[in-house]
Amino acid sequence: MSYLRAASAEPAGPDAVTWHMSYTVSDGDRQVAQLKASDHWHVFTPGQMADELAPAGLRAEPAEGSHGLHVITRR
């Protein structure tokens, strides 16, 4: 079995992107399954995220590394 995935994103407005994903499972030359999905995502700043999390008693801190991920924890 082999598994292939592909992803791309395109702008969908000033604060949004649309992600396109494709997953294919093959057994030799025979395709066993394929799934395609497109999802609309809103883009926000770390400050906007902090403002939204605060009323729920949560906070976000940058994760290790330079990949832009954050860890959300309870205060």
N, C-alpha and C. Protein backbone atom coordinates (compact mmCIF):
# COMPACT_ATOMS: atom_id res chain seq x y z
N MET A 1 0.84 -1.17 0.00
CA MET A 1 0.00 0.00 0.00
C MET A 1 0.89 1.24 0.00
N SER A 2 0.43 2.25 -0.71
CA SER A 2 1.12 3.53 -0.67
C SER A 2 0.09 4.61 -0.40
N TYR A 3 0.53 5.66 0.24
CA TYR A 3 -0.33 6.75 0.64
C TYR A 3 0.26 8.05 0.09
N LEU A 4 -0.56 8.82 -0.59
CA LEU A 4 -0.12 10.08 -1.16
C LEU A 4 -1.04 11.17 -0.66
N ARG A 5 -0.45 12.26 -0.24
CA ARG A 5 -1.27 13.40 0.18
C ARG A 5 -0.71 14.64 -0.47
N ALA A 6 -1.58 15.59 -0.71
CA ALA A 6 -1.18 16.87 -1.29
C ALA A 6 -2.04 17.96 -0.66
N ALA A 7 -1.46 19.13 -0.50
CA ALA A 7 -2.20 20.25 0.09
C ALA A 7 -1.76 21.54 -0.56
N SER A 8 -2.69 22.45 -0.66
CA SER A 8 -2.38 23.79 -1.15
C SER A 8 -3.36 24.76 -0.51
N ALA A 9 -3.01 26.03 -0.52
CA ALA A 9 -3.88 27.06 0.04
C ALA A 9 -3.91 28.24 -0.92
N GLU A 10 -5.06 28.91 -0.95
CA GLU A 10 -5.16 30.10 -1.78
C GLU A 10 -5.89 31.19 -0.99
N PRO A 11 -5.54 32.45 -1.22
CA PRO A 11 -6.22 33.54 -0.54
C PRO A 11 -7.73 33.50 -0.82
N ALA A 12 -8.52 33.83 0.20
CA ALA A 12 -9.98 33.84 0.06
C ALA A 12 -10.54 35.11 0.70
N GLY A 13 -9.80 36.20 0.61
CA GLY A 13 -10.19 37.47 1.21
C GLY A 13 -9.05 38.01 2.05
N PRO A 14 -9.27 39.18 2.66
CA PRO A 14 -8.17 39.82 3.41
C PRO A 14 -7.74 39.06 4.66
N ASP A 15 -8.61 38.23 5.22
CA ASP A 15 -8.27 37.50 6.45
C ASP A 15 -8.69 36.04 6.39
N ALA A 16 -8.57 35.44 5.19
CA ALA A 16 -9.01 34.05 5.05
C ALA A 16 -8.23 33.35 3.94
N VAL A 17 -8.16 32.03 4.05
CA VAL A 17 -7.58 31.18 3.01
C VAL A 17 -8.49 29.98 2.82
N THR A 18 -8.40 29.38 1.65
CA THR A 18 -9.08 28.11 1.41
C THR A 18 -8.01 27.05 1.23
N TRP A 19 -8.06 26.03 2.07
CA TRP A 19 -7.14 24.91 1.98
C TRP A 19 -7.76 23.83 1.11
N HIS A 20 -6.96 23.27 0.23
CA HIS A 20 -7.38 22.14 -0.61
C HIS A 20 -6.48 20.96 -0.26
N MET A 21 -7.10 19.83 0.10
CA MET A 21 -6.35 18.64 0.45
C MET A 21 -6.82 17.44 -0.36
N SER A 22 -5.87 16.57 -0.68
CA SER A 22 -6.18 15.36 -1.43
C SER A 22 -5.39 14.20 -0.81
N TYR A 23 -6.08 13.08 -0.60
CA TYR A 23 -5.46 11.88 -0.03
C TYR A 23 -5.79 10.71 -0.94
N THR A 24 -4.77 9.95 -1.32
CA THR A 24 -4.96 8.80 -2.20
C THR A 24 -4.25 7.58 -1.60
N VAL A 25 -4.96 6.46 -1.60
CA VAL A 25 -4.39 5.17 -1.16
C VAL A 25 -4.34 4.26 -2.37
N SER A 26 -3.17 3.69 -2.63
CA SER A 26 -3.00 2.79 -3.77
C SER A 26 -2.39 1.47 -3.31
N ASP A 27 -2.76 0.43 -4.04
CA ASP A 27 -2.17 -0.90 -3.84
C ASP A 27 -1.56 -1.27 -5.18
N GLY A 28 -0.26 -1.05 -5.32
CA GLY A 28 0.38 -1.24 -6.62
C GLY A 28 -0.14 -0.19 -7.59
N ASP A 29 -0.64 -0.64 -8.74
CA ASP A 29 -1.19 0.28 -9.74
C ASP A 29 -2.68 0.56 -9.52
N ARG A 30 -3.28 -0.09 -8.52
CA ARG A 30 -4.73 0.05 -8.29
C ARG A 30 -5.00 1.08 -7.22
N GLN A 31 -5.81 2.08 -7.54
CA GLN A 31 -6.21 3.08 -6.55
C GLN A 31 -7.31 2.50 -5.68
N VAL A 32 -7.08 2.47 -4.37
CA VAL A 32 -8.03 1.88 -3.42
C VAL A 32 -9.02 2.92 -2.92
N ALA A 33 -8.54 4.12 -2.65
CA ALA A 33 -9.42 5.17 -2.12
C ALA A 33 -8.85 6.54 -2.44
N GLN A 34 -9.74 7.51 -2.55
CA GLN A 34 -9.30 8.89 -2.73
C GLN A 34 -10.30 9.81 -2.03
N LEU A 35 -9.77 10.80 -1.35
CA LEU A 35 -10.59 11.78 -0.66
C LEU A 35 -10.06 13.16 -0.99
N LYS A 36 -10.95 14.07 -1.32
CA LYS A 36 -10.58 15.46 -1.56
C LYS A 36 -11.44 16.33 -0.67
N ALA A 37 -10.83 17.38 -0.12
CA ALA A 37 -11.57 18.29 0.75
C ALA A 37 -11.05 19.70 0.56
N SER A 38 -11.94 20.65 0.69
CA SER A 38 -11.59 22.07 0.69
C SER A 38 -12.22 22.69 1.93
N ASP A 39 -11.45 23.45 2.66
CA ASP A 39 -11.92 24.07 3.89
C ASP A 39 -11.55 25.54 3.92
N HIS A 40 -12.48 26.35 4.38
CA HIS A 40 -12.28 27.80 4.50
C HIS A 40 -11.77 28.09 5.91
N TRP A 41 -10.63 28.76 6.01
CA TRP A 41 -10.02 29.09 7.30
C TRP A 41 -9.88 30.59 7.43
N HIS A 42 -10.19 31.11 8.62
CA HIS A 42 -9.97 32.52 8.91
C HIS A 42 -8.57 32.67 9.51
N VAL A 43 -7.87 33.69 9.08
CA VAL A 43 -6.52 33.96 9.54
C VAL A 43 -6.58 35.07 10.58
N PHE A 44 -5.86 34.91 11.69
CA PHE A 44 -5.87 35.94 12.72
C PHE A 44 -4.49 36.06 13.33
N THR A 45 -4.25 37.16 14.00
CA THR A 45 -2.96 37.42 14.63
C THR A 45 -2.91 36.76 16.00
N PRO A 46 -1.70 36.58 16.57
CA PRO A 46 -1.61 36.06 17.94
C PRO A 46 -2.38 36.94 18.93
N GLY A 47 -2.38 38.25 18.71
CA GLY A 47 -3.13 39.15 19.61
C GLY A 47 -4.63 38.92 19.53
N GLN A 48 -5.15 38.73 18.32
CA GLN A 48 -6.57 38.43 18.16
C GLN A 48 -6.93 37.10 18.82
N MET A 49 -6.03 36.12 18.70
CA MET A 49 -6.27 34.83 19.33
C MET A 49 -6.30 34.99 20.85
N ALA A 50 -5.37 35.75 21.41
CA ALA A 50 -5.33 35.97 22.86
C ALA A 50 -6.61 36.64 23.33
N ASP A 51 -7.10 37.62 22.59
CA ASP A 51 -8.34 38.31 22.95
C ASP A 51 -9.53 37.36 22.96
N GLU A 52 -9.57 36.42 22.03
CA GLU A 52 -10.68 35.47 21.96
C GLU A 52 -10.59 34.40 23.05
N LEU A 53 -9.38 34.01 23.42
CA LEU A 53 -9.20 32.95 24.42
C LEU A 53 -9.40 33.45 25.85
N ALA A 54 -9.05 34.71 26.11
CA ALA A 54 -9.04 35.25 27.48
C ALA A 54 -10.37 35.07 28.23
N PRO A 55 -11.53 35.36 27.64
CA PRO A 55 -12.78 35.19 28.40
C PRO A 55 -13.04 33.76 28.85
N ALA A 56 -12.43 32.79 28.19
CA ALA A 56 -12.60 31.38 28.57
C ALA A 56 -11.52 30.94 29.55
N GLY A 57 -10.68 31.88 30.01
CA GLY A 57 -9.62 31.54 30.95
C GLY A 57 -8.45 30.82 30.30
N LEU A 58 -8.25 31.01 29.02
CA LEU A 58 -7.18 30.35 28.29
C LEU A 58 -6.15 31.36 27.82
N ARG A 59 -4.95 30.88 27.56
CA ARG A 59 -3.91 31.74 26.99
C ARG A 59 -3.12 30.93 25.96
N ALA A 60 -2.48 31.66 25.04
CA ALA A 60 -1.68 31.02 24.00
C ALA A 60 -0.25 31.51 24.12
N GLU A 61 0.68 30.58 24.04
CA GLU A 61 2.10 30.91 24.05
C GLU A 61 2.76 30.23 22.86
N PRO A 62 3.75 30.89 22.25
CA PRO A 62 4.43 30.27 21.11
C PRO A 62 5.03 28.91 21.49
N ALA A 63 4.87 27.95 20.61
CA ALA A 63 5.49 26.64 20.81
C ALA A 63 6.97 26.75 20.47
N GLU A 64 7.74 25.76 20.86
CA GLU A 64 9.16 25.75 20.53
C GLU A 64 9.34 25.69 19.02
N GLY A 65 10.38 26.33 18.53
CA GLY A 65 10.66 26.33 17.10
C GLY A 65 10.12 27.59 16.44
N SER A 66 10.37 27.71 15.17
CA SER A 66 9.98 28.92 14.45
C SER A 66 8.87 28.64 13.44
N HIS A 67 7.98 27.70 13.74
CA HIS A 67 6.95 27.31 12.78
C HIS A 67 5.64 28.06 12.95
N GLY A 68 5.54 28.96 13.92
CA GLY A 68 4.34 29.77 14.10
C GLY A 68 3.22 29.11 14.88
N LEU A 69 3.45 27.92 15.44
CA LEU A 69 2.42 27.25 16.23
C LEU A 69 2.38 27.81 17.64
N HIS A 70 1.21 27.72 18.27
CA HIS A 70 1.03 28.16 19.65
C HIS A 70 0.44 27.02 20.47
N VAL A 71 0.73 27.02 21.75
CA VAL A 71 0.15 26.07 22.70
C VAL A 71 -0.87 26.81 23.53
N ILE A 72 -2.08 26.27 23.61
CA ILE A 72 -3.15 26.90 24.39
C ILE A 72 -3.27 26.17 25.72
N THR A 73 -3.23 26.94 26.82
CA THR A 73 -3.34 26.37 28.17
C THR A 73 -4.33 27.18 28.99
N ARG A 74 -4.76 26.60 30.11
CA ARG A 74 -5.60 27.33 31.07
C ARG A 74 -4.71 28.23 31.89
N ARG A 75 -5.23 29.37 32.25
CA ARG A 75 -4.46 30.31 33.08
C ARG A 75 -4.27 29.78 34.46
